[in-house]
Amino acid sequence: MAGIAIKISFILLVLAITIPCLEGRIGEFDDYLKAQADLAREIAFKSYVPNPENVTHEINLHVHL
């Protein structure tokens, strides 16, 4: 009986925390945050290296220097 009450309390706690976060929608209206997200995405795409062996070789080169 106590186990069920704890599970229900936990579910209600999770819902009480999650629902206000979903309703905030701050990121949808903030142009500064959108610009920062776009810049971060652009930097991530430019810095992506498709061959992990090249990354390993470069790191080893710097370590041995």
PDB file of N, CA and C in Angstrom:
ATOM      1  N   MET A   1       0.814  -1.191   0.000  1.00  0.00           N
ATOM      2  CA  MET A   1       0.000   0.000   0.000  1.00  0.00           C
ATOM      3  C   MET A   1       0.857   1.253   0.000  1.00  0.00           C
ATOM      4  N   ALA A   2       1.919   1.238   0.814  1.00  0.00           N
ATOM      5  CA  ALA A   2       2.782   2.421   0.890  1.00  0.00           C
ATOM      6  C   ALA A   2       3.565   2.597  -0.415  1.00  0.00           C
ATOM      7  N   GLY A   3       3.889   1.488  -1.080  1.00  0.00           N
ATOM      8  CA  GLY A   3       4.626   1.554  -2.343  1.00  0.00           C
ATOM      9  C   GLY A   3       3.833   2.264  -3.416  1.00  0.00           C
ATOM     10  N   ILE A   4       2.529   2.022  -3.461  1.00  0.00           N
ATOM     11  CA  ILE A   4       1.668   2.665  -4.447  1.00  0.00           C
ATOM     12  C   ILE A   4       1.585   4.166  -4.173  1.00  0.00           C
ATOM     13  N   ALA A   5       1.479   4.536  -2.918  1.00  0.00           N
ATOM     14  CA  ALA A   5       1.407   5.955  -2.559  1.00  0.00           C
ATOM     15  C   ALA A   5       2.693   6.677  -2.931  1.00  0.00           C
ATOM     16  N   ILE A   6       3.823   6.014  -2.749  1.00  0.00           N
ATOM     17  CA  ILE A   6       5.100   6.629  -3.103  1.00  0.00           C
ATOM     18  C   ILE A   6       5.200   6.802  -4.618  1.00  0.00           C
ATOM     19  N   LYS A   7       4.751   5.799  -5.380  1.00  0.00           N
ATOM     20  CA  LYS A   7       4.797   5.891  -6.838  1.00  0.00           C
ATOM     21  C   LYS A   7       3.903   7.016  -7.343  1.00  0.00           C
ATOM     22  N   ILE A   8       2.713   7.126  -6.781  1.00  0.00           N
ATOM     23  CA  ILE A   8       1.782   8.186  -7.187  1.00  0.00           C
ATOM     24  C   ILE A   8       2.351   9.554  -6.812  1.00  0.00           C
ATOM     25  N   SER A   9       2.932   9.658  -5.636  1.00  0.00           N
ATOM     26  CA  SER A   9       3.546  10.921  -5.215  1.00  0.00           C
ATOM     27  C   SER A   9       4.690  11.303  -6.136  1.00  0.00           C
ATOM     28  N   PHE A  10       5.489  10.327  -6.539  1.00  0.00           N
ATOM     29  CA  PHE A  10       6.603  10.591  -7.438  1.00  0.00           C
ATOM     30  C   PHE A  10       6.102  11.068  -8.800  1.00  0.00           C
ATOM     31  N   ILE A  11       5.077  10.421  -9.324  1.00  0.00           N
ATOM     32  CA  ILE A  11       4.506  10.823 -10.614  1.00  0.00           C
ATOM     33  C   ILE A  11       3.949  12.238 -10.539  1.00  0.00           C
ATOM     34  N   LEU A  12       3.257  12.558  -9.475  1.00  0.00           N
ATOM     35  CA  LEU A  12       2.722  13.914  -9.322  1.00  0.00           C
ATOM     36  C   LEU A  12       3.840  14.942  -9.189  1.00  0.00           C
ATOM     37  N   LEU A  13       4.906  14.574  -8.508  1.00  0.00           N
ATOM     38  CA  LEU A  13       6.047  15.480  -8.369  1.00  0.00           C
ATOM     39  C   LEU A  13       6.689  15.742  -9.728  1.00  0.00           C
ATOM     40  N   VAL A  14       6.874  14.686 -10.518  1.00  0.00           N
ATOM     41  CA  VAL A  14       7.455  14.851 -11.851  1.00  0.00           C
ATOM     42  C   VAL A  14       6.562  15.731 -12.718  1.00  0.00           C
ATOM     43  N   LEU A  15       5.266  15.517 -12.666  1.00  0.00           N
ATOM     44  CA  LEU A  15       4.340  16.344 -13.444  1.00  0.00           C
ATOM     45  C   LEU A  15       4.354  17.793 -12.967  1.00  0.00           C
ATOM     46  N   ALA A  16       4.435  17.994 -11.659  1.00  0.00           N
ATOM     47  CA  ALA A  16       4.447  19.351 -11.115  1.00  0.00           C
ATOM     48  C   ALA A  16       5.703  20.103 -11.535  1.00  0.00           C
ATOM     49  N   ILE A  17       6.802  19.390 -11.767  1.00  0.00           N
ATOM     50  CA  ILE A  17       8.031  20.038 -12.209  1.00  0.00           C
ATOM     51  C   ILE A  17       8.047  20.211 -13.724  1.00  0.00           C
ATOM     52  N   THR A  18       7.557  19.236 -14.457  1.00  0.00           N
ATOM     53  CA  THR A  18       7.652  19.232 -15.912  1.00  0.00           C
ATOM     54  C   THR A  18       6.682  20.206 -16.573  1.00  0.00           C
ATOM     55  N   ILE A  19       5.450  20.264 -16.133  1.00  0.00           N
ATOM     56  CA  ILE A  19       4.428  21.077 -16.801  1.00  0.00           C
ATOM     57  C   ILE A  19       4.789  22.567 -16.828  1.00  0.00           C
ATOM     58  N   PRO A  20       5.239  23.175 -15.745  1.00  0.00           N
ATOM     59  CA  PRO A  20       5.623  24.590 -15.854  1.00  0.00           C
ATOM     60  C   PRO A  20       6.795  24.823 -16.805  1.00  0.00           C
ATOM     61  N   CYS A  21       7.709  23.866 -16.881  1.00  0.00           N
ATOM     62  CA  CYS A  21       8.836  24.013 -17.805  1.00  0.00           C
ATOM     63  C   CYS A  21       8.363  23.990 -19.250  1.00  0.00           C
ATOM     64  N   LEU A  22       7.384  23.176 -19.546  1.00  0.00           N
ATOM     65  CA  LEU A  22       6.858  23.096 -20.901  1.00  0.00           C
ATOM     66  C   LEU A  22       6.064  24.335 -21.277  1.00  0.00           C
ATOM     67  N   GLU A  23       5.456  24.954 -20.302  1.00  0.00           N
ATOM     68  CA  GLU A  23       4.635  26.124 -20.564  1.00  0.00           C
ATOM     69  C   GLU A  23       5.440  27.415 -20.630  1.00  0.00           C
ATOM     70  N   GLY A  24       6.723  27.387 -20.261  1.00  0.00           N
ATOM     71  CA  GLY A  24       7.541  28.597 -20.235  1.00  0.00           C
ATOM     72  C   GLY A  24       7.736  29.199 -21.615  1.00  0.00           C
ATOM     73  N   ARG A  25       8.142  28.399 -22.570  1.00  0.00           N
ATOM     74  CA  ARG A  25       8.363  28.786 -23.956  1.00  0.00           C
ATOM     75  C   ARG A  25       9.182  30.061 -24.101  1.00  0.00           C
ATOM     76  N   ILE A  26      10.168  30.222 -23.250  1.00  0.00           N
ATOM     77  CA  ILE A  26      10.989  31.420 -23.306  1.00  0.00           C
ATOM     78  C   ILE A  26      11.829  31.428 -24.583  1.00  0.00           C
ATOM     79  N   GLY A  27      12.329  30.280 -24.956  1.00  0.00           N
ATOM     80  CA  GLY A  27      13.190  30.194 -26.131  1.00  0.00           C
ATOM     81  C   GLY A  27      12.492  30.519 -27.434  1.00  0.00           C
ATOM     82  N   GLU A  28      11.191  30.397 -27.487  1.00  0.00           N
ATOM     83  CA  GLU A  28      10.471  30.675 -28.720  1.00  0.00           C
ATOM     84  C   GLU A  28      10.374  32.162 -29.007  1.00  0.00           C
ATOM     85  N   PHE A  29      10.467  32.998 -27.999  1.00  0.00           N
ATOM     86  CA  PHE A  29      10.251  34.417 -28.176  1.00  0.00           C
ATOM     87  C   PHE A  29      11.525  35.244 -28.020  1.00  0.00           C
ATOM     88  N   ASP A  30      12.584  34.641 -27.557  1.00  0.00           N
ATOM     89  CA  ASP A  30      13.806  35.381 -27.279  1.00  0.00           C
ATOM     90  C   ASP A  30      14.731  35.321 -28.495  1.00  0.00           C
ATOM     91  N   ASP A  31      14.886  36.440 -29.185  1.00  0.00           N
ATOM     92  CA  ASP A  31      15.712  36.484 -30.388  1.00  0.00           C
ATOM     93  C   ASP A  31      17.187  36.261 -30.070  1.00  0.00           C
ATOM     94  N   TYR A  32      17.638  36.744 -28.926  1.00  0.00           N
ATOM     95  CA  TYR A  32      19.035  36.560 -28.548  1.00  0.00           C
ATOM     96  C   TYR A  32      19.364  35.084 -28.395  1.00  0.00           C
ATOM     97  N   LEU A  33      18.488  34.330 -27.725  1.00  0.00           N
ATOM     98  CA  LEU A  33      18.734  32.896 -27.538  1.00  0.00           C
ATOM     99  C   LEU A  33      18.682  32.152 -28.869  1.00  0.00           C
ATOM    100  N   LYS A  34      17.792  32.564 -29.756  1.00  0.00           N
ATOM    101  CA  LYS A  34      17.729  31.937 -31.079  1.00  0.00           C
ATOM    102  C   LYS A  34      19.023  32.189 -31.847  1.00  0.00           C
ATOM    103  N   ALA A  35      19.527  33.421 -31.787  1.00  0.00           N
ATOM    104  CA  ALA A  35      20.775  33.743 -32.483  1.00  0.00           C
ATOM    105  C   ALA A  35      21.937  32.946 -31.901  1.00  0.00           C
ATOM    106  N   GLN A  36      21.984  32.810 -30.588  1.00  0.00           N
ATOM    107  CA  GLN A  36      23.044  32.033 -29.944  1.00  0.00           C
ATOM    108  C   GLN A  36      22.958  30.557 -30.339  1.00  0.00           C
ATOM    109  N   ALA A  37      21.754  30.023 -30.415  1.00  0.00           N
ATOM    110  CA  ALA A  37      21.573  28.623 -30.804  1.00  0.00           C
ATOM    111  C   ALA A  37      22.012  28.413 -32.249  1.00  0.00           C
ATOM    112  N   ASP A  38      21.678  29.346 -33.129  1.00  0.00           N
ATOM    113  CA  ASP A  38      22.089  29.241 -34.529  1.00  0.00           C
ATOM    114  C   ASP A  38      23.607  29.306 -34.659  1.00  0.00           C
ATOM    115  N   LEU A  39      24.222  30.216 -33.903  1.00  0.00           N
ATOM    116  CA  LEU A  39      25.681  30.341 -33.937  1.00  0.00           C
ATOM    117  C   LEU A  39      26.340  29.066 -33.409  1.00  0.00           C
ATOM    118  N   ALA A  40      25.831  28.521 -32.345  1.00  0.00           N
ATOM    119  CA  ALA A  40      26.386  27.284 -31.782  1.00  0.00           C
ATOM    120  C   ALA A  40      26.239  26.127 -32.761  1.00  0.00           C
ATOM    121  N   ARG A  41      25.112  26.043 -33.428  1.00  0.00           N
ATOM    122  CA  ARG A  41      24.886  24.979 -34.415  1.00  0.00           C
ATOM    123  C   ARG A  41      25.865  25.131 -35.584  1.00  0.00           C
ATOM    124  N   GLU A  42      26.090  26.364 -36.040  1.00  0.00           N
ATOM    125  CA  GLU A  42      27.013  26.623 -37.137  1.00  0.00           C
ATOM    126  C   GLU A  42      28.447  26.247 -36.755  1.00  0.00           C
ATOM    127  N   ILE A  43      28.860  26.611 -35.559  1.00  0.00           N
ATOM    128  CA  ILE A  43      30.205  26.271 -35.086  1.00  0.00           C
ATOM    129  C   ILE A  43      30.358  24.752 -34.975  1.00  0.00           C
ATOM    130  N   ALA A  44      29.325  24.088 -34.489  1.00  0.00           N
ATOM    131  CA  ALA A  44      29.386  22.626 -34.345  1.00  0.00           C
ATOM    132  C   ALA A  44      29.517  21.951 -35.710  1.00  0.00           C
ATOM    133  N   PHE A  45      28.784  22.447 -36.713  1.00  0.00           N
ATOM    134  CA  PHE A  45      28.871  21.849 -38.046  1.00  0.00           C
ATOM    135  C   PHE A  45      30.237  22.104 -38.680  1.00  0.00           C
ATOM    136  N   LYS A  46      30.814  23.287 -38.454  1.00  0.00           N
ATOM    137  CA  LYS A  46      32.122  23.597 -39.023  1.00  0.00           C
ATOM    138  C   LYS A  46      33.231  22.793 -38.355  1.00  0.00           C
ATOM    139  N   SER A  47      33.093  22.491 -37.087  1.00  0.00           N
ATOM    140  CA  SER A  47      34.155  21.800 -36.366  1.00  0.00           C
ATOM    141  C   SER A  47      34.034  20.279 -36.429  1.00  0.00           C
ATOM    142  N   TYR A  48      33.005  19.765 -37.060  1.00  0.00           N
ATOM    143  CA  TYR A  48      32.804  18.318 -37.156  1.00  0.00           C
ATOM    144  C   TYR A  48      33.871  17.693 -38.058  1.00  0.00           C
ATOM    145  N   VAL A  49      34.489  16.624 -37.582  1.00  0.00           N
ATOM    146  CA  VAL A  49      35.479  15.889 -38.363  1.00  0.00           C
ATOM    147  C   VAL A  49      34.918  14.489 -38.590  1.00  0.00           C
ATOM    148  N   PRO A  50      34.641  14.129 -39.849  1.00  0.00           N
ATOM    149  CA  PRO A  50      33.990  12.836 -40.095  1.00  0.00           C
ATOM    150  C   PRO A  50      34.899  11.624 -39.883  1.00  0.00           C
ATOM    151  N   ASN A  51      36.218  11.827 -39.900  1.00  0.00           N
ATOM    152  CA  ASN A  51      37.140  10.709 -39.741  1.00  0.00           C
ATOM    153  C   ASN A  51      37.782  10.764 -38.353  1.00  0.00           C
ATOM    154  N   PRO A  52      37.420   9.873 -37.450  1.00  0.00           N
ATOM    155  CA  PRO A  52      37.964   9.916 -36.094  1.00  0.00           C
ATOM    156  C   PRO A  52      39.462   9.615 -36.037  1.00  0.00           C
ATOM    157  N   GLU A  53      40.000   8.940 -37.048  1.00  0.00           N
ATOM    158  CA  GLU A  53      41.440   8.658 -37.055  1.00  0.00           C
ATOM    159  C   GLU A  53      42.242   9.946 -37.209  1.00  0.00           C
ATOM    160  N   ASN A  54      41.730  10.913 -37.967  1.00  0.00           N
ATOM    161  CA  ASN A  54      42.416  12.198 -38.115  1.00  0.00           C
ATOM    162  C   ASN A  54      42.460  12.940 -36.784  1.00  0.00           C
ATOM    163  N   VAL A  55      41.384  12.864 -36.035  1.00  0.00           N
ATOM    164  CA  VAL A  55      41.330  13.519 -34.729  1.00  0.00           C
ATOM    165  C   VAL A  55      42.337  12.873 -33.796  1.00  0.00           C
ATOM    166  N   THR A  56      42.379  11.555 -33.792  1.00  0.00           N
ATOM    167  CA  THR A  56      43.325  10.830 -32.934  1.00  0.00           C
ATOM    168  C   THR A  56      44.765  11.170 -33.312  1.00  0.00           C
ATOM    169  N   HIS A  57      45.035  11.229 -34.609  1.00  0.00           N
ATOM    170  CA  HIS A  57      46.388  11.554 -35.063  1.00  0.00           C
ATOM    171  C   HIS A  57      46.787  12.958 -34.612  1.00  0.00           C
ATOM    172  N   GLU A  58      45.900  13.919 -34.730  1.00  0.00           N
ATOM    173  CA  GLU A  58      46.212  15.292 -34.330  1.00  0.00           C
ATOM    174  C   GLU A  58      46.435  15.398 -32.818  1.00  0.00           C
ATOM    175  N   ILE A  59      45.614  14.716 -32.046  1.00  0.00           N
ATOM    176  CA  ILE A  59      45.779  14.739 -30.578  1.00  0.00           C
ATOM    177  C   ILE A  59      47.118  14.098 -30.204  1.00  0.00           C
ATOM    178  N   ASN A  60      47.448  12.959 -30.819  1.00  0.00           N
ATOM    179  CA  ASN A  60      48.720  12.304 -30.522  1.00  0.00           C
ATOM    180  C   ASN A  60      49.894  13.185 -30.912  1.00  0.00           C
ATOM    181  N   LEU A  61      49.766  13.913 -32.002  1.00  0.00           N
ATOM    182  CA  LEU A  61      50.829  14.820 -32.431  1.00  0.00           C
ATOM    183  C   LEU A  61      51.082  15.888 -31.386  1.00  0.00           C
ATOM    184  N   HIS A  62      50.024  16.475 -30.865  1.00  0.00           N
ATOM    185  CA  HIS A  62      50.165  17.524 -29.839  1.00  0.00           C
ATOM    186  C   HIS A  62      50.691  16.948 -28.524  1.00  0.00           C
ATOM    187  N   VAL A  63      50.313  15.743 -28.206  1.00  0.00           N
ATOM    188  CA  VAL A  63      50.791  15.116 -26.966  1.00  0.00           C
ATOM    189  C   VAL A  63      52.289  14.870 -27.042  1.00  0.00           C
ATOM    190  N   HIS A  64      52.745  14.399 -28.203  1.00  0.00           N
ATOM    191  CA  HIS A  64      54.158  14.048 -28.341  1.00  0.00           C
ATOM    192  C   HIS A  64      55.046  15.277 -28.523  1.00  0.00           C
ATOM    193  N   LEU A  65      54.468  16.397 -28.878  1.00  0.00           N
ATOM    194  CA  LEU A  65      55.271  17.619 -28.983  1.00  0.00           C
ATOM    195  C   LEU A  65      55.604  18.104 -27.594  1.00  0.00           C
TER     196      LEU A  65
END
